[in-house]
Amino acid sequence: MKYIQTALLSLVLIFVFVTCLSGCSEPVLTVNYYIDGTLSNTAPDRNFYDFVSLECNNEKAVVAWDTNEWRLTTEHLSKDTTVNIYFNYTASPFKINGTGYATLQDAFNSVTDTTPVTIETTADYNGFAATPIGSDITLNLNGFTLDGQGFDTITCNGTLTINGEGTITNTISGEYSKSLVNYGTLNINNITVENHTANVAIWNSNNGGSVMNIDNCTISRDEIDCIVVINSGEMYFNSGTITGAGDKTHPVVYNNADIAVLYLNGGVITNTSNNHTVYCDAGTVIHNDTVAENTYGIEYAE
């Protein structure tokens, strides 16, 4: 009899233990991310998508999408819970750490000190902008096009790095229709710079501290007898192409200030009309370790 009681007690304890395990197990949370209506296992990049809404099948649970941390927060999950979270492609053409800006100038203006900031381009954009003095900004074009439409598309007053792929252009002629203007330190990498007006594609100024680095870029103008690039500061053409169709007074690249130094370290410069590619009116041109004299009319083959 004693053995029977012990066995029965053991069965009861096992039943209680199993029941406790079943009742005390952690609830299962299932999260579904819907990106432009398509189901995904992970949340999208907040620099390209906006949070829209979420729905939850557990009325007692407290769930929310933290737009600053870009993650789901949960409380009181007393049972298995499913959360559906919806995102749409952003309506803002520029984003910084998930915060959207309607214009490039608004994005630039949000940079208030020398802390490095990265701006993501999320759409083609028509407009112009200038970076704040002392700023340190990286602008990723992400394959999109920025068009100044009659105004200097981008003016650099601090340190600006522009990464491709993508295009910076100007399609409407005006007094200020340059595609890129540099008064600080400007680095362009793997981008296309075009100009379809009566102005130059790039002007590196002569303010005494302007430095420009060009790497693996495609730079051109489609106007006839027009300069493509003017260097009045310090410029390093390391790789890529610069193409124009100028006459002898309108070379493709023009060095025009006493303090100007142009380093031709690589790449190809082409004049489709003749062989007048680079002219040194003032300053210094260093091409393949050869220093040119400060004489207007010096030709340099690419």
Protein backbone atom coordinates (compact mmCIF):
# COMPACT_ATOMS: atom_id res chain seq x y z
CA MET A 1 0.00 0.00 0.00
CA LYS A 2 2.85 2.33 0.89
CA TYR A 3 4.43 1.78 -2.51
CA ILE A 4 1.14 2.57 -4.26
CA GLN A 5 0.82 5.84 -2.34
CA THR A 6 4.39 6.79 -3.21
CA ALA A 7 3.80 6.05 -6.88
CA LEU A 8 0.60 8.08 -6.93
CA LEU A 9 2.36 10.98 -5.24
CA SER A 10 5.13 10.85 -7.82
CA LEU A 11 2.58 10.96 -10.64
CA VAL A 12 0.88 13.96 -9.06
CA LEU A 13 4.20 15.77 -8.70
CA ILE A 14 5.11 15.04 -12.31
CA PHE A 15 1.71 16.35 -13.45
CA VAL A 16 2.12 19.52 -11.39
CA PHE A 17 5.66 20.02 -12.71
CA VAL A 18 4.62 19.59 -16.35
CA THR A 19 1.62 21.86 -15.84
CA CYS A 20 3.86 24.49 -14.28
CA LEU A 21 6.32 24.31 -17.14
CA SER A 22 3.50 24.75 -19.61
CA GLY A 23 1.91 27.60 -17.74
CA CYS A 24 5.16 29.35 -16.80
CA SER A 25 6.84 29.31 -20.23
CA GLU A 26 7.73 32.65 -21.83
CA PRO A 27 5.17 33.93 -24.32
CA VAL A 28 6.25 33.89 -27.95
CA LEU A 29 6.58 37.24 -29.73
CA THR A 30 6.23 37.20 -33.52
CA VAL A 31 7.13 40.39 -35.38
CA ASN A 32 6.25 40.92 -39.05
CA TYR A 33 7.75 43.87 -40.93
CA TYR A 34 5.77 45.11 -43.94
CA ILE A 35 7.91 47.31 -46.18
CA ASP A 36 5.84 49.03 -48.86
CA GLY A 37 3.39 46.16 -48.41
CA THR A 38 5.96 43.37 -48.71
CA LEU A 39 6.64 41.08 -45.74
CA SER A 40 10.21 41.11 -44.44
CA ASN A 41 12.05 39.44 -41.57
CA THR A 42 13.90 42.61 -40.58
CA ALA A 43 13.17 46.31 -40.25
CA PRO A 44 14.24 48.54 -43.17
CA ASP A 45 17.00 51.16 -43.08
CA ARG A 46 15.57 54.18 -41.29
CA ASN A 47 17.42 56.51 -43.66
CA PHE A 48 15.21 55.35 -46.50
CA TYR A 49 11.92 54.37 -44.85
CA ASP A 50 9.40 55.97 -42.50
CA PHE A 51 7.46 54.16 -39.79
CA VAL A 52 3.72 54.26 -40.56
CA SER A 53 1.83 52.17 -37.99
CA LEU A 54 1.65 48.89 -36.10
CA GLU A 55 -1.03 46.45 -34.98
CA CYS A 56 -1.01 43.88 -32.19
CA ASN A 57 -3.32 40.91 -31.46
CA ASN A 58 -2.77 41.16 -27.68
CA GLU A 59 -4.97 43.87 -26.16
CA LYS A 60 -3.16 43.71 -22.82
CA ALA A 61 0.30 44.12 -24.31
CA VAL A 62 1.94 47.54 -24.56
CA VAL A 63 3.90 47.76 -27.81
CA ALA A 64 5.43 50.74 -29.60
CA TRP A 65 7.94 51.49 -32.33
CA ASP A 66 10.76 53.68 -31.02
CA THR A 67 11.65 55.95 -33.96
CA ASN A 68 14.81 57.19 -32.24
CA GLU A 69 16.24 53.76 -31.46
CA TRP A 70 14.48 52.25 -34.50
CA ARG A 71 13.26 49.19 -32.61
CA LEU A 72 10.16 47.62 -31.10
CA THR A 73 9.50 48.07 -27.37
CA THR A 74 7.14 45.70 -25.51
CA GLU A 75 5.57 45.33 -22.07
CA HIS A 76 3.04 42.96 -20.47
CA LEU A 77 3.31 40.09 -22.93
CA SER A 78 1.14 37.66 -20.97
CA LYS A 79 0.53 35.37 -23.93
CA ASP A 80 1.81 34.63 -27.41
CA THR A 81 1.70 37.89 -29.34
CA THR A 82 1.95 38.90 -33.00
CA VAL A 83 2.92 42.44 -34.00
CA ASN A 84 2.68 43.73 -37.57
CA ILE A 85 4.75 46.87 -38.29
CA TYR A 86 4.28 48.92 -41.46
CA PHE A 87 6.84 51.10 -43.24
CA ASN A 88 6.73 53.19 -46.43
CA TYR A 89 9.59 54.57 -48.51
CA THR A 90 10.44 57.98 -47.12
CA ALA A 91 8.88 61.15 -48.50
CA SER A 92 11.95 63.15 -47.43
CA PRO A 93 14.69 63.52 -50.07
CA PHE A 94 17.39 63.75 -47.38
CA LYS A 95 17.84 61.97 -44.06
CA ILE A 96 20.26 62.18 -41.14
CA ASN A 97 20.06 59.28 -38.68
CA GLY A 98 16.44 58.69 -39.63
CA THR A 99 15.35 62.34 -39.45
CA GLY A 100 13.96 63.60 -42.75
CA TYR A 101 14.54 66.98 -44.38
CA ALA A 102 12.52 68.50 -47.20
CA THR A 103 15.48 70.40 -48.71
CA LEU A 104 19.22 69.90 -48.87
CA GLN A 105 19.70 73.31 -47.26
CA ASP A 106 17.55 72.22 -44.31
CA ALA A 107 19.75 69.16 -43.90
CA PHE A 108 22.91 71.29 -44.08
CA ASN A 109 21.49 73.82 -41.61
CA SER A 110 20.89 71.08 -39.04
CA VAL A 111 24.67 70.67 -38.75
CA THR A 112 25.61 73.16 -36.03
CA ASP A 113 29.18 72.16 -35.08
CA THR A 114 32.23 70.29 -36.33
CA THR A 115 30.92 66.82 -35.45
CA PRO A 116 30.99 64.62 -38.58
CA VAL A 117 27.51 64.07 -40.02
CA THR A 118 26.33 61.79 -42.84
CA ILE A 119 23.41 62.77 -45.07
CA GLU A 120 21.65 60.10 -47.13
CA THR A 121 19.98 61.14 -50.39
CA THR A 122 16.75 59.22 -50.97
CA ALA A 123 15.34 60.82 -54.15
CA ASP A 124 16.18 63.06 -57.10
CA TYR A 125 16.13 66.69 -56.00
CA ASN A 126 15.91 70.12 -57.66
CA GLY A 127 17.43 72.88 -55.57
CA PHE A 128 20.66 74.41 -54.33
CA ALA A 129 22.45 74.53 -50.97
CA ALA A 130 25.59 75.67 -49.15
CA THR A 131 27.27 73.91 -46.24
CA PRO A 132 27.88 75.81 -42.97
CA ILE A 133 31.35 77.17 -42.25
CA GLY A 134 33.33 74.68 -40.17
CA SER A 135 31.00 71.76 -40.84
CA ASP A 136 32.19 68.22 -41.61
CA ILE A 137 29.59 66.54 -43.80
CA THR A 138 29.44 63.38 -45.90
CA LEU A 139 26.74 63.39 -48.56
CA ASN A 140 25.88 60.00 -50.06
CA LEU A 141 24.05 60.40 -53.37
CA ASN A 142 22.89 56.76 -53.50
CA GLY A 143 22.36 56.89 -57.26
CA PHE A 144 20.17 60.02 -57.31
CA THR A 145 20.55 63.36 -59.13
CA LEU A 146 20.79 66.85 -57.62
CA ASP A 147 20.01 69.72 -60.02
CA GLY A 148 20.67 73.36 -59.05
CA GLN A 149 18.42 74.66 -61.86
CA GLY A 150 20.01 78.07 -62.35
CA PHE A 151 21.84 78.37 -59.02
CA ASP A 152 25.13 76.87 -57.83
CA THR A 153 23.98 73.35 -56.97
CA ILE A 154 26.30 72.78 -53.99
CA THR A 155 28.67 75.25 -52.36
CA CYS A 156 31.17 73.90 -49.84
CA ASN A 157 32.15 76.23 -46.99
CA GLY A 158 33.57 73.59 -44.65
CA THR A 159 34.62 70.00 -45.24
CA LEU A 160 32.36 68.08 -47.59
CA THR A 161 32.74 64.57 -48.99
CA ILE A 162 30.32 63.55 -51.73
CA ASN A 163 30.08 59.84 -52.52
CA GLY A 164 28.44 58.14 -55.47
CA GLU A 165 27.05 56.74 -57.40
CA GLY A 166 24.93 59.72 -58.40
CA THR A 167 24.93 62.98 -60.36
CA ILE A 168 25.30 66.67 -59.56
CA THR A 169 24.18 68.87 -62.42
CA ASN A 170 22.76 72.21 -63.50
CA THR A 171 20.24 72.39 -66.32
CA ILE A 172 19.06 76.03 -66.30
CA SER A 173 21.45 78.80 -67.33
CA GLY A 174 21.97 81.70 -64.96
CA GLU A 175 24.60 83.90 -63.36
CA TYR A 176 25.09 81.26 -60.66
CA SER A 177 24.74 77.97 -62.50
CA LYS A 178 27.87 76.11 -61.49
CA SER A 179 27.43 72.53 -60.33
CA LEU A 180 30.06 72.57 -57.57
CA VAL A 181 31.75 75.51 -55.84
CA ASN A 182 34.42 75.00 -53.20
CA TYR A 183 35.59 77.45 -50.54
CA GLY A 184 36.78 74.77 -48.10
CA THR A 185 37.79 71.12 -48.49
CA LEU A 186 35.76 69.19 -51.04
CA ASN A 187 36.24 65.49 -51.80
CA ILE A 188 34.23 63.87 -54.58
CA ASN A 189 34.29 60.11 -55.09
CA ASN A 190 32.71 58.03 -57.84
CA ILE A 191 30.15 60.66 -58.86
CA THR A 192 29.12 62.32 -62.11
CA VAL A 193 29.35 66.11 -62.35
CA GLU A 194 27.63 67.70 -65.33
CA ASN A 195 26.72 71.20 -66.42
CA HIS A 196 24.30 72.03 -69.21
CA THR A 197 24.51 75.83 -68.94
CA ALA A 198 26.90 78.61 -69.91
CA ASN A 199 28.81 78.19 -66.66
CA VAL A 200 31.51 75.80 -65.44
CA ALA A 201 30.90 72.44 -63.85
CA ILE A 202 33.42 72.96 -61.02
CA TRP A 203 35.06 76.03 -59.55
CA ASN A 204 37.68 75.57 -56.83
CA SER A 205 38.06 79.07 -55.36
CA ASN A 206 41.12 81.13 -54.48
CA ASN A 207 40.27 81.99 -50.87
CA GLY A 208 43.68 80.77 -49.72
CA GLY A 209 42.55 77.48 -48.24
CA SER A 210 40.45 75.67 -50.83
CA VAL A 211 41.43 72.05 -51.39
CA MET A 212 39.66 69.67 -53.76
CA ASN A 213 40.22 65.96 -54.36
CA ILE A 214 38.71 64.19 -57.37
CA ASP A 215 38.65 60.39 -57.44
CA ASN A 216 37.01 58.16 -60.04
CA CYS A 217 34.58 60.85 -61.19
CA THR A 218 33.06 61.65 -64.57
CA ILE A 219 33.03 65.42 -65.18
CA SER A 220 31.71 67.07 -68.33
CA ARG A 221 29.90 69.91 -70.07
CA ASP A 222 27.87 69.76 -73.24
CA GLU A 223 28.25 73.45 -74.16
CA ILE A 224 30.72 74.26 -76.94
CA ASP A 225 33.73 76.55 -76.28
CA CYS A 226 33.29 76.56 -72.50
CA ILE A 227 35.63 75.76 -69.63
CA VAL A 228 34.68 72.68 -67.62
CA VAL A 229 36.82 73.07 -64.48
CA ILE A 230 38.43 76.22 -63.04
CA ASN A 231 41.07 75.78 -60.36
CA SER A 232 42.01 78.82 -58.31
CA GLY A 233 43.11 76.88 -55.21
CA GLU A 234 44.65 73.45 -54.61
CA MET A 235 43.21 70.62 -56.69
CA TYR A 236 44.14 66.94 -57.00
CA PHE A 237 42.79 65.12 -60.04
CA ASN A 238 43.58 61.52 -59.16
CA SER A 239 41.35 59.40 -61.39
CA GLY A 240 38.32 59.58 -63.63
CA THR A 241 37.54 61.67 -66.70
CA ILE A 242 37.06 65.36 -67.50
CA THR A 243 35.58 66.09 -70.93
CA GLY A 244 34.81 69.32 -72.78
CA ALA A 245 34.64 70.85 -76.25
CA GLY A 246 36.48 74.16 -75.97
CA ASP A 247 38.59 76.34 -78.21
CA LYS A 248 42.06 77.68 -77.33
CA THR A 249 40.64 80.34 -75.01
CA HIS A 250 38.31 77.83 -73.36
CA PRO A 251 40.39 74.83 -72.25
CA VAL A 252 38.84 71.90 -70.46
CA VAL A 253 40.70 72.67 -67.21
CA TYR A 254 41.91 76.20 -66.44
CA ASN A 255 44.43 77.12 -63.72
CA ASN A 256 43.98 80.87 -63.18
CA ALA A 257 45.35 82.20 -59.85
CA ASP A 258 48.84 82.86 -58.50
CA ILE A 259 48.21 80.58 -55.52
CA ALA A 260 46.60 77.85 -57.61
CA VAL A 261 48.26 74.43 -57.72
CA LEU A 262 46.80 71.71 -59.93
CA TYR A 263 48.05 68.15 -59.47
CA LEU A 264 47.33 65.84 -62.39
CA ASN A 265 47.99 62.45 -60.81
CA GLY A 266 45.84 60.25 -63.02
CA GLY A 267 42.69 60.00 -65.07
CA VAL A 268 41.95 61.29 -68.56
CA ILE A 269 41.24 64.86 -69.72
CA THR A 270 39.74 65.16 -73.20
CA ASN A 271 38.85 68.05 -75.48
CA THR A 272 36.59 66.71 -78.20
CA SER A 273 37.20 69.78 -80.40
CA ASN A 274 41.02 69.90 -80.27
CA ASN A 275 43.96 69.09 -78.00
CA HIS A 276 43.68 72.14 -75.72
CA THR A 277 43.05 70.28 -72.49
CA VAL A 278 44.77 72.07 -69.57
CA TYR A 279 46.02 75.64 -69.50
CA CYS A 280 48.02 77.35 -66.79
CA ASP A 281 47.35 81.11 -66.83
CA ALA A 282 48.78 81.54 -63.31
CA GLY A 283 49.94 79.35 -60.46
CA THR A 284 51.40 75.89 -60.96
CA VAL A 285 50.38 72.75 -62.79
CA ILE A 286 52.16 69.54 -61.81
CA HIS A 287 51.67 66.78 -64.35
CA ASN A 288 53.61 63.53 -64.10
CA ASP A 289 56.09 65.22 -61.72
CA THR A 290 56.69 68.03 -64.23
CA VAL A 291 56.12 71.61 -63.04
CA ALA A 292 54.75 74.01 -65.65
CA GLU A 293 55.71 77.67 -66.01
CA ASN A 294 53.11 80.33 -65.20
CA THR A 295 52.45 81.06 -68.85
CA TYR A 296 49.08 81.15 -70.54
CA GLY A 297 48.80 78.83 -73.49
CA ILE A 298 50.65 75.78 -72.18
CA GLU A 299 49.02 72.62 -73.42
CA TYR A 300 48.89 69.37 -71.51
CA ALA A 301 47.83 66.11 -73.03
CA GLU A 302 45.97 63.79 -70.74
